[in-house]
Protein backbone atom coordinates (compact mmCIF):
# COMPACT_ATOMS: atom_id res chain seq x y z
CA MET A 1 0.01 -0.13 0.08
CA GLU A 2 2.92 2.35 0.60
CA GLU A 3 4.07 2.10 -2.95
CA LEU A 4 0.56 2.83 -4.06
CA LEU A 5 0.06 5.98 -1.94
CA THR A 6 3.62 7.41 -2.85
CA CYS A 7 3.33 6.69 -6.52
CA GLY A 8 3.61 10.06 -8.18
CA SER A 9 1.00 9.10 -11.13
CA LEU A 10 -1.81 7.88 -8.70
CA LYS A 11 -5.14 8.97 -10.31
CA LEU A 12 -7.55 7.01 -7.80
CA SER A 13 -10.02 9.12 -5.99
CA ARG A 14 -11.32 6.23 -3.86
CA LEU A 15 -9.35 3.42 -2.21
CA VAL A 16 -11.30 0.58 -0.36
CA LEU A 17 -9.00 -1.68 1.66
CA PHE A 18 -11.85 -3.05 3.98
CA ASP A 19 -11.13 -6.26 5.74
CA ASN A 20 -7.44 -6.63 4.37
CA LYS A 21 -5.69 -7.65 7.69
CA LEU A 22 -3.52 -4.62 7.74
CA SER A 23 -3.47 -4.89 11.52
CA ASP A 24 -0.52 -2.92 13.21
CA GLY A 25 1.00 -2.56 9.81
CA ALA A 26 -0.61 0.76 10.13
CA GLU A 27 2.23 1.89 12.35
CA SER A 28 4.77 0.95 9.46
CA LEU A 29 2.45 2.69 6.79
CA ALA A 30 2.35 5.92 9.07
CA THR A 31 6.09 5.99 9.13
CA THR A 32 6.52 5.51 5.43
CA LEU A 33 3.86 8.03 4.78
CA ARG A 34 5.49 10.65 7.11
CA LEU A 35 8.87 10.12 5.62
CA ALA A 36 7.61 10.70 2.11
CA ALA A 37 5.56 13.76 3.27
CA GLU A 38 8.60 15.16 5.02
CA ASP A 39 10.43 15.26 1.77
CA GLY A 40 7.89 17.62 0.45
CA THR A 41 6.26 14.91 -1.72
CA VAL A 42 2.63 15.18 -2.16
CA VAL A 43 1.36 11.81 -1.27
CA GLY A 44 -1.92 10.50 -2.60
CA GLY A 45 -2.84 13.86 -3.89
CA VAL A 46 -6.08 13.03 -5.69
CA LEU A 47 -7.51 10.42 -3.11
CA LYS A 48 -10.68 11.65 -1.59
CA ASP A 49 -12.01 8.62 0.13
CA VAL A 50 -10.16 5.78 1.85
CA ASP A 51 -11.61 2.78 3.75
CA LEU A 52 -9.38 0.97 6.06
CA GLY A 53 -12.28 -0.47 8.04
CA SER A 54 -12.16 -3.86 9.57
CA ASN A 55 -8.37 -4.41 9.37
CA GLY A 56 -7.66 -5.37 12.97
CA MET A 57 -5.95 -2.03 13.59
CA SER A 58 -4.99 -1.28 17.38
CA GLU A 59 -5.52 2.02 18.91
CA HIS A 60 -1.88 2.54 18.68
CA GLY A 61 -1.75 1.80 15.00
CA VAL A 62 -4.88 3.96 14.33
CA LEU A 63 -3.44 6.91 16.40
CA ALA A 64 -0.23 6.71 14.55
CA LEU A 65 -1.90 7.01 11.13
CA LEU A 66 -4.22 9.81 12.27
CA LYS A 67 -1.37 11.67 13.69
CA VAL A 68 0.57 11.62 10.42
CA LEU A 69 -2.51 12.80 8.59
CA ARG A 70 -2.72 15.78 11.14
CA ASP A 71 0.91 16.56 11.12
CA CYS A 72 1.69 16.37 7.36
CA PRO A 73 -0.30 18.63 5.14
CA THR A 74 1.12 17.10 1.90
CA LEU A 75 -0.11 13.79 2.84
CA LEU A 76 -3.51 13.08 1.26
CA PRO A 77 -4.31 16.73 0.98
CA GLU A 78 -7.62 16.15 -0.88
CA LEU A 79 -8.90 13.32 1.56
CA THR A 80 -12.37 14.16 2.86
CA THR A 81 -13.45 10.73 4.31
CA LEU A 82 -11.33 8.04 6.11
CA GLY A 83 -13.17 4.93 7.02
CA LEU A 84 -11.87 3.17 10.20
CA GLY A 85 -14.94 1.23 11.48
CA ALA A 86 -14.73 -2.07 12.73
CA ASN A 87 -11.17 -1.73 13.98
CA GLU A 88 -10.16 -2.55 17.47
CA GLY A 89 -8.51 0.88 17.84
CA VAL A 90 -11.47 3.13 17.42
CA LYS A 91 -13.61 1.81 20.38
CA GLU A 92 -11.89 4.31 22.62
CA VAL A 93 -13.14 7.28 20.80
CA GLU A 94 -16.51 7.65 22.65
CA ASP A 95 -14.44 7.95 25.87
CA GLY A 96 -12.71 11.06 24.58
CA GLY A 97 -8.94 11.26 25.11
CA GLU A 98 -6.09 11.57 22.66
CA LEU A 99 -7.75 9.61 19.74
CA ALA A 100 -10.92 11.74 20.04
CA ASN A 101 -8.75 14.93 19.96
CA VAL A 102 -6.71 13.85 17.08
CA ILE A 103 -9.92 12.94 15.21
CA GLN A 104 -11.27 16.53 15.98
CA SER A 105 -8.12 18.17 14.89
CA LEU A 106 -8.37 16.48 11.43
CA LYS A 107 -11.48 18.49 10.83
CA GLU A 108 -9.35 21.55 10.85
CA ARG A 109 -7.12 20.65 7.81
CA PRO A 110 -7.44 22.83 4.91
CA VAL A 111 -9.61 20.16 3.46
CA ARG A 112 -11.87 18.97 6.26
CA LEU A 113 -11.42 15.13 6.95
CA GLU A 114 -14.23 13.17 8.51
CA VAL A 115 -13.14 10.00 10.17
CA VAL A 116 -15.88 7.37 9.85
CA ILE A 117 -15.73 4.92 12.83
CA ARG A 118 -19.35 3.30 12.49
CA ALA A 119 -21.27 2.64 9.46
CA GLY A 120 -23.46 5.62 8.81
CA THR A 121 -21.61 8.06 11.31
CA GLU A 122 -18.85 10.43 11.23
CA GLN A 123 -16.60 11.43 14.25
């Protein structure tokens, strides 16, 4: 997936990876994306919708991915919807805390990002 997102000729606007056993590979993905974005590379520039639901991602993996999206403006700059439902790591959102705060901060990106943690709902 890293190669796909960092490919300069990516023309996809929607990427659905629902139920692909990403698990805590999310941390590795977050690191790879952060490194590409820190180089000034626009990563996944045309993607508007990414679904990573039901991938067994832990709270730590989800948090790592969301933080890199928050911290790197050249990373998925047109992304408006990120699906994370049915991952273990999103269960703590209702309790507030760091995960909920990071999700809230993503709504303040130049292009507002809605994080979907349950079908039919946005956080």
